[in-house]
Structure formats: C-alpha cells, structure tokens
Amino acid sequence: MSSIKKMVIAALFIALGITLPLAFHSIPNAGRVFLPMHIPILLCGILCGFPYGLIVGIITPLLSSLLTGMPPAAFLPSMICELAAYGTVSSLLMRYVRVKQTYAKTYIALIGAMIFGRLFYGILNALIFSVGSYSMQIWLAAAFVTALPGVIIQIIIIPTIVVVLQKAKLIEAA
C-alpha cells in the first residue's frame, strides 16, 4: 500500500475515532464499556502498519478531547499512551508474525495488542498517572470487567473487517 493511501486511511481512522465515540457517549458509561475509540486505532495499526498506528493512537484521543471534551483532560494522558500502544503493537505484530492465514494473523496482532495495551495502561496508571490511588482491583475492573463487551466486540468485528477488506481487494493480503 502506498504511503499516500496509508495517510488517507489513517486520516479516516482519526475521523472515525472522533465520531464513533459520540454515538456511544449519549449512553452513561458506554465509552468505558464498548471502547469505541479503540476499534479505529487497532484497525489502523493492523492495516496501515507502523508508524501510522502509533500516530493515530496519539492524535485521535487528543483531537477528540479538544473537539468533543471526550476523553476528559484527567484521563487524556493515560488514554493517549494506551491507544498509542495498541496502534504500535498491533502494527508490529502484523508485520513480524509469520502466519499465512489472515484471520489467525489478525487475531494474534489484535489480542497481543489488547493484552500489551492493557498492561501498559495499568503500569502507567500505577506508577505515573494515578500513583497511590490505583490498585490491582481498579485495573482489573476497568481493563477487563467493565470493558468486556468492548473487548468481545473488537475480537468479533476487527478480524472480520480485515478479511472483508482483503477479499474486496481494498487492502493487500496480510
């Protein structure tokens, strides 16, 4: 895929990352439950690679916060780090994991990024962003229990989107 095509797709994912959460924020706590901003970042990392996944992971929550107030400023630094990790790890795993089957490769990249991003988010909150007020229970509740519907949606939707785009010849085979 050419760098211009990747830039256009990355811009589309930034726009999706800003607009998709707006539909969910009309429902109380829906952003934390369904994780709508995560989907475009993970897709960008998987489809466009590095450094696009990293850049989209940084720019999307920042622009969304400036334009919509979501995420709130108090959560913005940790969310930028978490989403940057998702975009980076998903792109690196897609590039370096050698599996021929697109679904398998996408699942490896997706689940690897989701695990790393949640661990990174927890460590940063414990050591930097929420020192003294962050615990294992808070991390487990936020990263896995509350977010379980969003995690399930990501696991179902993202690989399907990748395979559909590949079959439509809109992206190259993984």
N, C-alpha and C. Protein backbone atom coordinates (compact mmCIF):
# COMPACT_ATOMS: atom_id res chain seq x y z
N MET A 1 0.85 -1.17 0.00
CA MET A 1 0.00 0.00 0.00
C MET A 1 0.90 1.24 0.00
N SER A 2 0.59 2.22 -0.82
CA SER A 2 1.41 3.43 -0.91
C SER A 2 1.28 4.27 0.36
N SER A 3 2.28 5.12 0.59
CA SER A 3 2.24 5.96 1.78
C SER A 3 1.08 6.97 1.73
N ILE A 4 0.73 7.42 0.54
CA ILE A 4 -0.41 8.35 0.41
C ILE A 4 -1.71 7.64 0.78
N LYS A 5 -1.89 6.41 0.31
CA LYS A 5 -3.08 5.64 0.65
C LYS A 5 -3.12 5.40 2.16
N LYS A 6 -1.99 5.08 2.77
CA LYS A 6 -1.93 4.87 4.22
C LYS A 6 -2.28 6.15 4.98
N MET A 7 -1.81 7.31 4.49
CA MET A 7 -2.14 8.58 5.14
C MET A 7 -3.63 8.87 5.07
N VAL A 8 -4.24 8.60 3.93
CA VAL A 8 -5.67 8.83 3.77
C VAL A 8 -6.46 7.90 4.69
N ILE A 9 -6.07 6.64 4.73
CA ILE A 9 -6.75 5.68 5.60
C ILE A 9 -6.55 6.07 7.06
N ALA A 10 -5.34 6.50 7.43
CA ALA A 10 -5.07 6.93 8.80
C ALA A 10 -5.96 8.13 9.16
N ALA A 11 -6.11 9.07 8.24
CA ALA A 11 -6.98 10.23 8.49
C ALA A 11 -8.43 9.78 8.68
N LEU A 12 -8.86 8.81 7.90
CA LEU A 12 -10.20 8.25 8.05
C LEU A 12 -10.37 7.63 9.43
N PHE A 13 -9.35 6.91 9.89
CA PHE A 13 -9.44 6.30 11.21
C PHE A 13 -9.44 7.35 12.32
N ILE A 14 -8.73 8.45 12.14
CA ILE A 14 -8.79 9.53 13.13
C ILE A 14 -10.22 10.08 13.18
N ALA A 15 -10.81 10.32 12.01
CA ALA A 15 -12.19 10.82 11.96
C ALA A 15 -13.15 9.83 12.61
N LEU A 16 -13.00 8.55 12.33
CA LEU A 16 -13.84 7.52 12.96
C LEU A 16 -13.63 7.47 14.47
N GLY A 17 -12.38 7.64 14.89
CA GLY A 17 -12.06 7.62 16.31
C GLY A 17 -12.65 8.79 17.07
N ILE A 18 -12.96 9.86 16.37
CA ILE A 18 -13.60 11.02 16.99
C ILE A 18 -15.12 10.89 16.93
N THR A 19 -15.65 10.46 15.80
CA THR A 19 -17.10 10.42 15.62
C THR A 19 -17.78 9.18 16.22
N LEU A 20 -17.15 8.03 16.11
CA LEU A 20 -17.76 6.79 16.64
C LEU A 20 -18.07 6.89 18.13
N PRO A 21 -17.16 7.40 18.96
CA PRO A 21 -17.50 7.53 20.39
C PRO A 21 -18.66 8.48 20.67
N LEU A 22 -18.90 9.46 19.81
CA LEU A 22 -20.01 10.38 20.04
C LEU A 22 -21.34 9.63 20.11
N ALA A 23 -21.48 8.60 19.30
CA ALA A 23 -22.71 7.80 19.31
C ALA A 23 -22.87 7.05 20.63
N PHE A 24 -21.77 6.69 21.24
CA PHE A 24 -21.82 5.90 22.48
C PHE A 24 -21.93 6.76 23.73
N HIS A 25 -21.43 7.98 23.67
CA HIS A 25 -21.41 8.81 24.88
C HIS A 25 -22.78 9.36 25.27
N SER A 26 -23.79 9.14 24.46
CA SER A 26 -25.14 9.52 24.87
C SER A 26 -25.69 8.54 25.91
N ILE A 27 -25.05 7.37 26.00
CA ILE A 27 -25.40 6.35 26.99
C ILE A 27 -24.39 6.45 28.13
N PRO A 28 -24.85 6.56 29.38
CA PRO A 28 -23.91 6.68 30.51
C PRO A 28 -22.90 5.52 30.55
N ASN A 29 -21.64 5.87 30.69
CA ASN A 29 -20.52 4.93 30.85
C ASN A 29 -20.29 4.05 29.61
N ALA A 30 -20.94 4.33 28.50
CA ALA A 30 -20.83 3.47 27.31
C ALA A 30 -19.42 3.50 26.71
N GLY A 31 -18.73 4.63 26.82
CA GLY A 31 -17.37 4.71 26.29
C GLY A 31 -16.44 3.71 26.98
N ARG A 32 -16.55 3.58 28.27
CA ARG A 32 -15.71 2.64 29.03
C ARG A 32 -16.15 1.19 28.84
N VAL A 33 -17.39 1.00 28.49
CA VAL A 33 -17.92 -0.36 28.31
C VAL A 33 -17.65 -0.87 26.90
N PHE A 34 -17.92 -0.05 25.88
CA PHE A 34 -17.84 -0.51 24.50
C PHE A 34 -16.53 -0.13 23.79
N LEU A 35 -15.73 0.77 24.35
CA LEU A 35 -14.40 1.14 23.83
C LEU A 35 -14.43 1.53 22.35
N PRO A 36 -15.31 2.43 21.95
CA PRO A 36 -15.45 2.73 20.53
C PRO A 36 -14.23 3.37 19.89
N MET A 37 -13.42 4.08 20.66
CA MET A 37 -12.23 4.72 20.08
C MET A 37 -11.13 3.70 19.79
N HIS A 38 -11.15 2.57 20.47
CA HIS A 38 -10.11 1.56 20.30
C HIS A 38 -10.16 0.90 18.92
N ILE A 39 -11.37 0.72 18.38
CA ILE A 39 -11.53 0.00 17.12
C ILE A 39 -10.77 0.65 15.97
N PRO A 40 -10.93 1.96 15.72
CA PRO A 40 -10.18 2.56 14.61
C PRO A 40 -8.67 2.53 14.82
N ILE A 41 -8.22 2.66 16.07
CA ILE A 41 -6.77 2.65 16.33
C ILE A 41 -6.21 1.26 16.04
N LEU A 42 -6.87 0.23 16.53
CA LEU A 42 -6.41 -1.14 16.27
C LEU A 42 -6.44 -1.46 14.78
N LEU A 43 -7.51 -1.06 14.11
CA LEU A 43 -7.59 -1.28 12.66
C LEU A 43 -6.48 -0.55 11.92
N CYS A 44 -6.18 0.67 12.33
CA CYS A 44 -5.12 1.42 11.67
C CYS A 44 -3.78 0.71 11.82
N GLY A 45 -3.48 0.25 13.02
CA GLY A 45 -2.22 -0.47 13.23
C GLY A 45 -2.15 -1.73 12.38
N ILE A 46 -3.25 -2.47 12.33
CA ILE A 46 -3.28 -3.71 11.57
C ILE A 46 -3.20 -3.45 10.07
N LEU A 47 -3.92 -2.45 9.57
CA LEU A 47 -4.00 -2.22 8.12
C LEU A 47 -2.88 -1.33 7.58
N CYS A 48 -2.48 -0.32 8.32
CA CYS A 48 -1.51 0.66 7.81
C CYS A 48 -0.10 0.43 8.32
N GLY A 49 0.04 -0.25 9.43
CA GLY A 49 1.36 -0.54 9.98
C GLY A 49 1.94 0.60 10.79
N PHE A 50 3.20 0.40 11.13
CA PHE A 50 3.94 1.39 11.91
C PHE A 50 4.55 2.39 10.94
N PRO A 51 4.58 3.67 11.21
CA PRO A 51 4.22 4.41 12.41
C PRO A 51 2.79 4.93 12.43
N TYR A 52 1.98 4.57 11.41
CA TYR A 52 0.63 5.10 11.32
C TYR A 52 -0.22 4.73 12.54
N GLY A 53 -0.14 3.48 12.99
CA GLY A 53 -0.89 3.07 14.17
C GLY A 53 -0.51 3.89 15.39
N LEU A 54 0.78 4.12 15.57
CA LEU A 54 1.26 4.94 16.69
C LEU A 54 0.72 6.36 16.60
N ILE A 55 0.86 6.98 15.44
CA ILE A 55 0.44 8.38 15.26
C ILE A 55 -1.06 8.53 15.45
N VAL A 56 -1.85 7.63 14.88
CA VAL A 56 -3.30 7.69 15.03
C VAL A 56 -3.69 7.46 16.49
N GLY A 57 -2.96 6.59 17.17
CA GLY A 57 -3.22 6.34 18.59
C GLY A 57 -2.94 7.55 19.47
N ILE A 58 -2.05 8.42 19.04
CA ILE A 58 -1.75 9.65 19.78
C ILE A 58 -2.71 10.77 19.40
N ILE A 59 -2.90 10.97 18.11
CA ILE A 59 -3.68 12.11 17.62
C ILE A 59 -5.17 11.97 17.91
N THR A 60 -5.72 10.78 17.77
CA THR A 60 -7.17 10.60 17.90
C THR A 60 -7.71 11.02 19.27
N PRO A 61 -7.18 10.51 20.38
CA PRO A 61 -7.75 10.95 21.67
C PRO A 61 -7.48 12.43 21.95
N LEU A 62 -6.34 12.93 21.47
CA LEU A 62 -6.02 14.34 21.67
C LEU A 62 -7.02 15.23 20.94
N LEU A 63 -7.25 14.97 19.65
CA LEU A 63 -8.22 15.75 18.88
C LEU A 63 -9.64 15.58 19.42
N SER A 64 -9.99 14.36 19.79
CA SER A 64 -11.31 14.11 20.33
C SER A 64 -11.53 14.91 21.61
N SER A 65 -10.53 14.94 22.46
CA SER A 65 -10.64 15.71 23.70
C SER A 65 -10.80 17.20 23.42
N LEU A 66 -10.04 17.69 22.47
CA LEU A 66 -10.12 19.11 22.12
C LEU A 66 -11.46 19.47 21.47
N LEU A 67 -11.96 18.59 20.61
CA LEU A 67 -13.18 18.89 19.85
C LEU A 67 -14.47 18.53 20.58
N THR A 68 -14.45 17.46 21.38
CA THR A 68 -15.68 16.97 21.99
C THR A 68 -15.65 16.95 23.52
N GLY A 69 -14.48 17.13 24.09
CA GLY A 69 -14.36 17.04 25.55
C GLY A 69 -14.22 15.61 26.05
N MET A 70 -14.18 14.65 25.14
CA MET A 70 -14.02 13.23 25.49
C MET A 70 -12.80 12.66 24.80
N PRO A 71 -11.91 12.06 25.46
CA PRO A 71 -11.89 11.82 26.90
C PRO A 71 -11.60 13.11 27.68
N PRO A 72 -12.06 13.17 28.92
CA PRO A 72 -11.78 14.34 29.76
C PRO A 72 -10.27 14.49 29.97
N ALA A 73 -9.84 15.71 30.21
CA ALA A 73 -8.41 16.02 30.34
C ALA A 73 -7.72 15.15 31.38
N ALA A 74 -8.40 14.79 32.45
CA ALA A 74 -7.79 13.98 33.51
C ALA A 74 -7.41 12.59 33.01
N PHE A 75 -8.15 12.06 32.05
CA PHE A 75 -7.88 10.72 31.53
C PHE A 75 -7.06 10.74 30.24
N LEU A 76 -6.87 11.90 29.67
CA LEU A 76 -6.23 12.01 28.35
C LEU A 76 -4.81 11.43 28.31
N PRO A 77 -3.91 11.78 29.23
CA PRO A 77 -2.53 11.25 29.11
C PRO A 77 -2.47 9.72 29.13
N SER A 78 -3.21 9.09 30.04
CA SER A 78 -3.15 7.62 30.09
C SER A 78 -3.82 7.00 28.87
N MET A 79 -4.87 7.65 28.37
CA MET A 79 -5.54 7.11 27.18
C MET A 79 -4.67 7.26 25.94
N ILE A 80 -3.95 8.37 25.81
CA ILE A 80 -3.02 8.54 24.69
C ILE A 80 -1.98 7.43 24.71
N CYS A 81 -1.42 7.16 25.87
CA CYS A 81 -0.40 6.11 25.99
C CYS A 81 -0.97 4.74 25.65
N GLU A 82 -2.16 4.45 26.16
CA GLU A 82 -2.80 3.15 25.90
C GLU A 82 -3.09 2.98 24.41
N LEU A 83 -3.70 3.98 23.78
CA LEU A 83 -4.05 3.86 22.37
C LEU A 83 -2.82 3.85 21.47
N ALA A 84 -1.79 4.61 21.85
CA ALA A 84 -0.52 4.56 21.10
C ALA A 84 0.07 3.16 21.17
N ALA A 85 -0.03 2.53 22.33
CA ALA A 85 0.46 1.15 22.48
C ALA A 85 -0.33 0.20 21.60
N TYR A 86 -1.66 0.36 21.56
CA TYR A 86 -2.48 -0.50 20.69
C TYR A 86 -2.07 -0.36 19.23
N GLY A 87 -1.96 0.86 18.77
CA GLY A 87 -1.59 1.10 17.38
C GLY A 87 -0.22 0.57 17.04
N THR A 88 0.73 0.75 17.96
CA THR A 88 2.11 0.31 17.72
C THR A 88 2.22 -1.21 17.75
N VAL A 89 1.72 -1.83 18.80
CA VAL A 89 1.88 -3.28 18.95
C VAL A 89 1.11 -4.04 17.88
N SER A 90 -0.10 -3.59 17.56
CA SER A 90 -0.86 -4.29 16.51
C SER A 90 -0.12 -4.20 15.17
N SER A 91 0.47 -3.05 14.88
CA SER A 91 1.19 -2.90 13.61
C SER A 91 2.46 -3.75 13.59
N LEU A 92 3.19 -3.79 14.69
CA LEU A 92 4.42 -4.58 14.73
C LEU A 92 4.14 -6.07 14.67
N LEU A 93 3.10 -6.51 15.37
CA LEU A 93 2.75 -7.94 15.31
C LEU A 93 2.28 -8.34 13.91
N MET A 94 1.52 -7.49 13.26
CA MET A 94 1.10 -7.79 11.88
C MET A 94 2.30 -7.90 10.95
N ARG A 95 3.30 -7.09 11.20
CA ARG A 95 4.48 -7.09 10.33
C ARG A 95 5.40 -8.29 10.59
N TYR A 96 5.61 -8.62 11.85
CA TYR A 96 6.65 -9.59 12.17
C TYR A 96 6.16 -11.01 12.48
N VAL A 97 4.88 -11.19 12.74
CA VAL A 97 4.36 -12.55 12.96
C VAL A 97 4.17 -13.20 11.60
N ARG A 98 4.75 -14.36 11.43
CA ARG A 98 4.70 -15.05 10.14
C ARG A 98 3.64 -16.15 10.18
N VAL A 99 2.43 -15.77 9.83
CA VAL A 99 1.31 -16.70 9.70
C VAL A 99 0.62 -16.36 8.39
N LYS A 100 0.33 -17.37 7.58
CA LYS A 100 -0.24 -17.10 6.27
C LYS A 100 -1.74 -16.78 6.32
N GLN A 101 -2.47 -17.38 7.22
CA GLN A 101 -3.91 -17.20 7.28
C GLN A 101 -4.24 -15.84 7.90
N THR A 102 -5.01 -15.02 7.18
CA THR A 102 -5.30 -13.65 7.60
C THR A 102 -6.02 -13.59 8.93
N TYR A 103 -7.03 -14.43 9.13
CA TYR A 103 -7.74 -14.42 10.41
C TYR A 103 -6.78 -14.69 11.56
N ALA A 104 -5.95 -15.71 11.43
CA ALA A 104 -5.03 -16.07 12.51
C ALA A 104 -4.05 -14.94 12.80
N LYS A 105 -3.48 -14.39 11.76
CA LYS A 105 -2.50 -13.31 11.92
C LYS A 105 -3.16 -12.08 12.56
N THR A 106 -4.37 -11.77 12.13
CA THR A 106 -5.09 -10.62 12.67
C THR A 106 -5.43 -10.85 14.14
N TYR A 107 -5.88 -12.06 14.48
CA TYR A 107 -6.18 -12.37 15.88
C TYR A 107 -4.93 -12.27 16.75
N ILE A 108 -3.82 -12.76 16.27
CA ILE A 108 -2.57 -12.67 17.04
C ILE A 108 -2.21 -11.21 17.28
N ALA A 109 -2.26 -10.40 16.23
CA ALA A 109 -1.93 -8.98 16.36
C ALA A 109 -2.92 -8.26 17.28
N LEU A 110 -4.19 -8.55 17.11
CA LEU A 110 -5.24 -7.90 17.88
C LEU A 110 -5.14 -8.26 19.37
N ILE A 111 -5.11 -9.53 19.66
CA ILE A 111 -5.09 -9.96 21.07
C ILE A 111 -3.77 -9.59 21.73
N GLY A 112 -2.67 -9.71 21.02
CA GLY A 112 -1.38 -9.28 21.56
C GLY A 112 -1.38 -7.80 21.90
N ALA A 113 -1.93 -6.97 21.01
CA ALA A 113 -2.00 -5.53 21.25
C ALA A 113 -2.94 -5.22 22.41
N MET A 114 -4.06 -5.92 22.47
CA MET A 114 -5.02 -5.68 23.55
C MET A 114 -4.43 -6.03 24.91
N ILE A 115 -3.71 -7.11 24.99
CA ILE A 115 -3.09 -7.50 26.26
C ILE A 115 -1.98 -6.52 26.63
N PHE A 116 -1.09 -6.23 25.68
CA PHE A 116 0.01 -5.31 25.97
C PHE A 116 -0.52 -3.93 26.35
N GLY A 117 -1.50 -3.42 25.60
CA GLY A 117 -2.05 -2.10 25.87
C GLY A 117 -2.66 -1.99 27.25
N ARG A 118 -3.38 -3.03 27.67
CA ARG A 118 -3.99 -3.02 28.99
C ARG A 118 -2.94 -3.11 30.09
N LEU A 119 -1.91 -3.93 29.88
CA LEU A 119 -0.82 -3.99 30.87
C LEU A 119 -0.09 -2.66 30.95
N PHE A 120 0.20 -2.07 29.81
CA PHE A 120 0.89 -0.78 29.74
C PHE A 120 0.07 0.30 30.44
N TYR A 121 -1.23 0.32 30.17
CA TYR A 121 -2.16 1.26 30.80
C TYR A 121 -2.14 1.10 32.32
N GLY A 122 -2.20 -0.13 32.79
CA GLY A 122 -2.18 -0.39 34.23
C GLY A 122 -0.88 0.04 34.89
N ILE A 123 0.23 -0.29 34.26
CA ILE A 123 1.54 0.08 34.81
C ILE A 123 1.70 1.59 34.86
N LEU A 124 1.35 2.27 33.77
CA LEU A 124 1.47 3.73 33.75
C LEU A 124 0.57 4.39 34.79
N ASN A 125 -0.65 3.89 34.95
CA ASN A 125 -1.53 4.46 35.97
C ASN A 125 -0.98 4.22 37.36
N ALA A 126 -0.45 3.04 37.61
CA ALA A 126 0.08 2.73 38.94
C ALA A 126 1.34 3.53 39.26
N LEU A 127 2.18 3.76 38.25
CA LEU A 127 3.47 4.41 38.51
C LEU A 127 3.52 5.91 38.22
N ILE A 128 2.61 6.40 37.36
CA ILE A 128 2.71 7.80 36.95
C ILE A 128 1.40 8.57 37.14
N PHE A 129 0.34 8.13 36.48
CA PHE A 129 -0.87 8.93 36.37
C PHE A 129 -1.78 8.89 37.60
N SER A 130 -1.79 7.80 38.34
CA SER A 130 -2.69 7.67 39.50
C SER A 130 -1.96 7.06 40.69
N VAL A 131 -0.76 7.50 40.92
CA VAL A 131 0.07 6.93 42.00
C VAL A 131 -0.68 7.02 43.33
N GLY A 132 -0.71 5.90 44.04
CA GLY A 132 -1.33 5.85 45.36
C GLY A 132 -2.82 5.61 45.36
N SER A 133 -3.49 5.88 44.26
CA SER A 133 -4.94 5.68 44.22
C SER A 133 -5.34 4.60 43.22
N TYR A 134 -4.36 3.87 42.71
CA TYR A 134 -4.62 2.85 41.71
C TYR A 134 -4.27 1.50 42.29
N SER A 135 -5.14 0.51 42.11
CA SER A 135 -4.89 -0.82 42.66
C SER A 135 -5.13 -1.88 41.60
N MET A 136 -4.77 -3.09 41.93
CA MET A 136 -4.99 -4.22 41.03
C MET A 136 -6.49 -4.40 40.76
N GLN A 137 -7.33 -4.21 41.80
CA GLN A 137 -8.78 -4.36 41.62
C GLN A 137 -9.32 -3.30 40.66
N ILE A 138 -8.85 -2.05 40.79
CA ILE A 138 -9.30 -0.99 39.89
C ILE A 138 -8.89 -1.32 38.46
N TRP A 139 -7.64 -1.77 38.29
CA TRP A 139 -7.15 -2.10 36.95
C TRP A 139 -7.94 -3.25 36.34
N LEU A 140 -8.14 -4.33 37.10
CA LEU A 140 -8.88 -5.48 36.59
C LEU A 140 -10.32 -5.10 36.23
N ALA A 141 -10.94 -4.29 37.09
CA ALA A 141 -12.31 -3.87 36.83
C ALA A 141 -12.39 -3.02 35.56
N ALA A 142 -11.49 -2.06 35.43
CA ALA A 142 -11.53 -1.16 34.27
C ALA A 142 -11.10 -1.85 32.98
N ALA A 143 -10.02 -2.61 33.04
CA ALA A 143 -9.43 -3.18 31.83
C ALA A 143 -10.14 -4.44 31.33
N PHE A 144 -10.79 -5.15 32.22
CA PHE A 144 -11.37 -6.43 31.80
C PHE A 144 -12.85 -6.57 32.10
N VAL A 145 -13.29 -6.23 33.32
CA VAL A 145 -14.69 -6.46 33.69
C VAL A 145 -15.60 -5.45 33.00
N THR A 146 -15.38 -4.16 33.25
CA THR A 146 -16.22 -3.12 32.65
C THR A 146 -16.11 -3.15 31.12
N ALA A 147 -14.91 -3.36 30.62
CA ALA A 147 -14.65 -3.29 29.18
C ALA A 147 -14.94 -4.60 28.44
N LEU A 148 -15.42 -5.63 29.11
CA LEU A 148 -15.63 -6.93 28.46
C LEU A 148 -16.51 -6.85 27.22
N PRO A 149 -17.63 -6.13 27.22
CA PRO A 149 -18.40 -6.03 25.98
C PRO A 149 -17.59 -5.42 24.82
N GLY A 150 -16.79 -4.41 25.11
CA GLY A 150 -15.96 -3.79 24.08
C GLY A 150 -14.89 -4.74 23.57
N VAL A 151 -14.30 -5.50 24.47
CA VAL A 151 -13.29 -6.48 24.09
C VAL A 151 -13.91 -7.53 23.16
N ILE A 152 -15.09 -8.01 23.51
CA ILE A 152 -15.77 -9.01 22.67
C ILE A 152 -16.10 -8.42 21.30
N ILE A 153 -16.59 -7.19 21.27
CA ILE A 153 -16.90 -6.53 20.00
C ILE A 153 -15.64 -6.43 19.14
N GLN A 154 -14.53 -6.03 19.74
CA GLN A 154 -13.27 -5.91 18.99
C GLN A 154 -12.83 -7.25 18.43
N ILE A 155 -12.92 -8.30 19.23
CA ILE A 155 -12.49 -9.63 18.81
C ILE A 155 -13.36 -10.16 17.66
N ILE A 156 -14.62 -9.78 17.64
CA ILE A 156 -15.52 -10.23 16.57
C ILE A 156 -15.39 -9.36 15.32
N ILE A 157 -15.42 -8.05 15.51
CA ILE A 157 -15.52 -7.12 14.37
C ILE A 157 -14.21 -6.90 13.63
N ILE A 158 -13.12 -6.69 14.34
CA ILE A 158 -11.87 -6.28 13.68
C ILE A 158 -11.35 -7.32 12.70
N PRO A 159 -11.20 -8.59 13.08
CA PRO A 159 -10.72 -9.57 12.08
C PRO A 159 -11.67 -9.70 10.89
N THR A 160 -12.97 -9.60 11.14
CA THR A 160 -13.94 -9.69 10.05
C THR A 160 -13.77 -8.53 9.08
N ILE A 161 -13.59 -7.32 9.60
CA ILE A 161 -13.37 -6.15 8.74
C ILE A 161 -12.11 -6.34 7.90
N VAL A 162 -11.04 -6.82 8.51
CA VAL A 162 -9.78 -7.02 7.79
C VAL A 162 -9.96 -8.02 6.66
N VAL A 163 -10.62 -9.13 6.92
CA VAL A 163 -10.82 -10.16 5.89
C VAL A 163 -11.74 -9.65 4.78
N VAL A 164 -12.79 -8.94 5.14
CA VAL A 164 -13.71 -8.39 4.13
C VAL A 164 -12.97 -7.40 3.23
N LEU A 165 -12.17 -6.52 3.82
CA LEU A 165 -11.40 -5.56 3.02
C LEU A 165 -10.39 -6.26 2.11
N GLN A 166 -9.80 -7.34 2.61
CA GLN A 166 -8.86 -8.10 1.79
C GLN A 166 -9.59 -8.79 0.63
N LYS A 167 -10.73 -9.40 0.89
CA LYS A 167 -11.47 -10.06 -0.17
C LYS A 167 -12.00 -9.08 -1.21
N ALA A 168 -12.31 -7.85 -0.76
CA ALA A 168 -12.76 -6.81 -1.69
C ALA A 168 -11.58 -6.18 -2.42
N LYS A 169 -10.37 -6.64 -2.12
CA LYS A 169 -9.13 -6.16 -2.71
C LYS A 169 -8.89 -4.67 -2.43
N LEU A 170 -9.38 -4.22 -1.25
CA LEU A 170 -9.13 -2.85 -0.81
C LEU A 170 -7.84 -2.75 -0.01
N ILE A 171 -7.38 -3.91 0.49
CA ILE A 171 -6.08 -3.98 1.15
C ILE A 171 -5.36 -5.22 0.62
N GLU A 172 -4.05 -5.24 0.83
CA GLU A 172 -3.27 -6.38 0.39
C GLU A 172 -3.36 -7.51 1.40
N ALA A 173 -3.08 -8.71 0.97
CA ALA A 173 -3.10 -9.86 1.86
C ALA A 173 -2.08 -9.69 2.96
N ALA A 174 -2.47 -10.13 4.15
CA ALA A 174 -1.58 -10.00 5.31
C ALA A 174 -0.41 -10.92 5.22
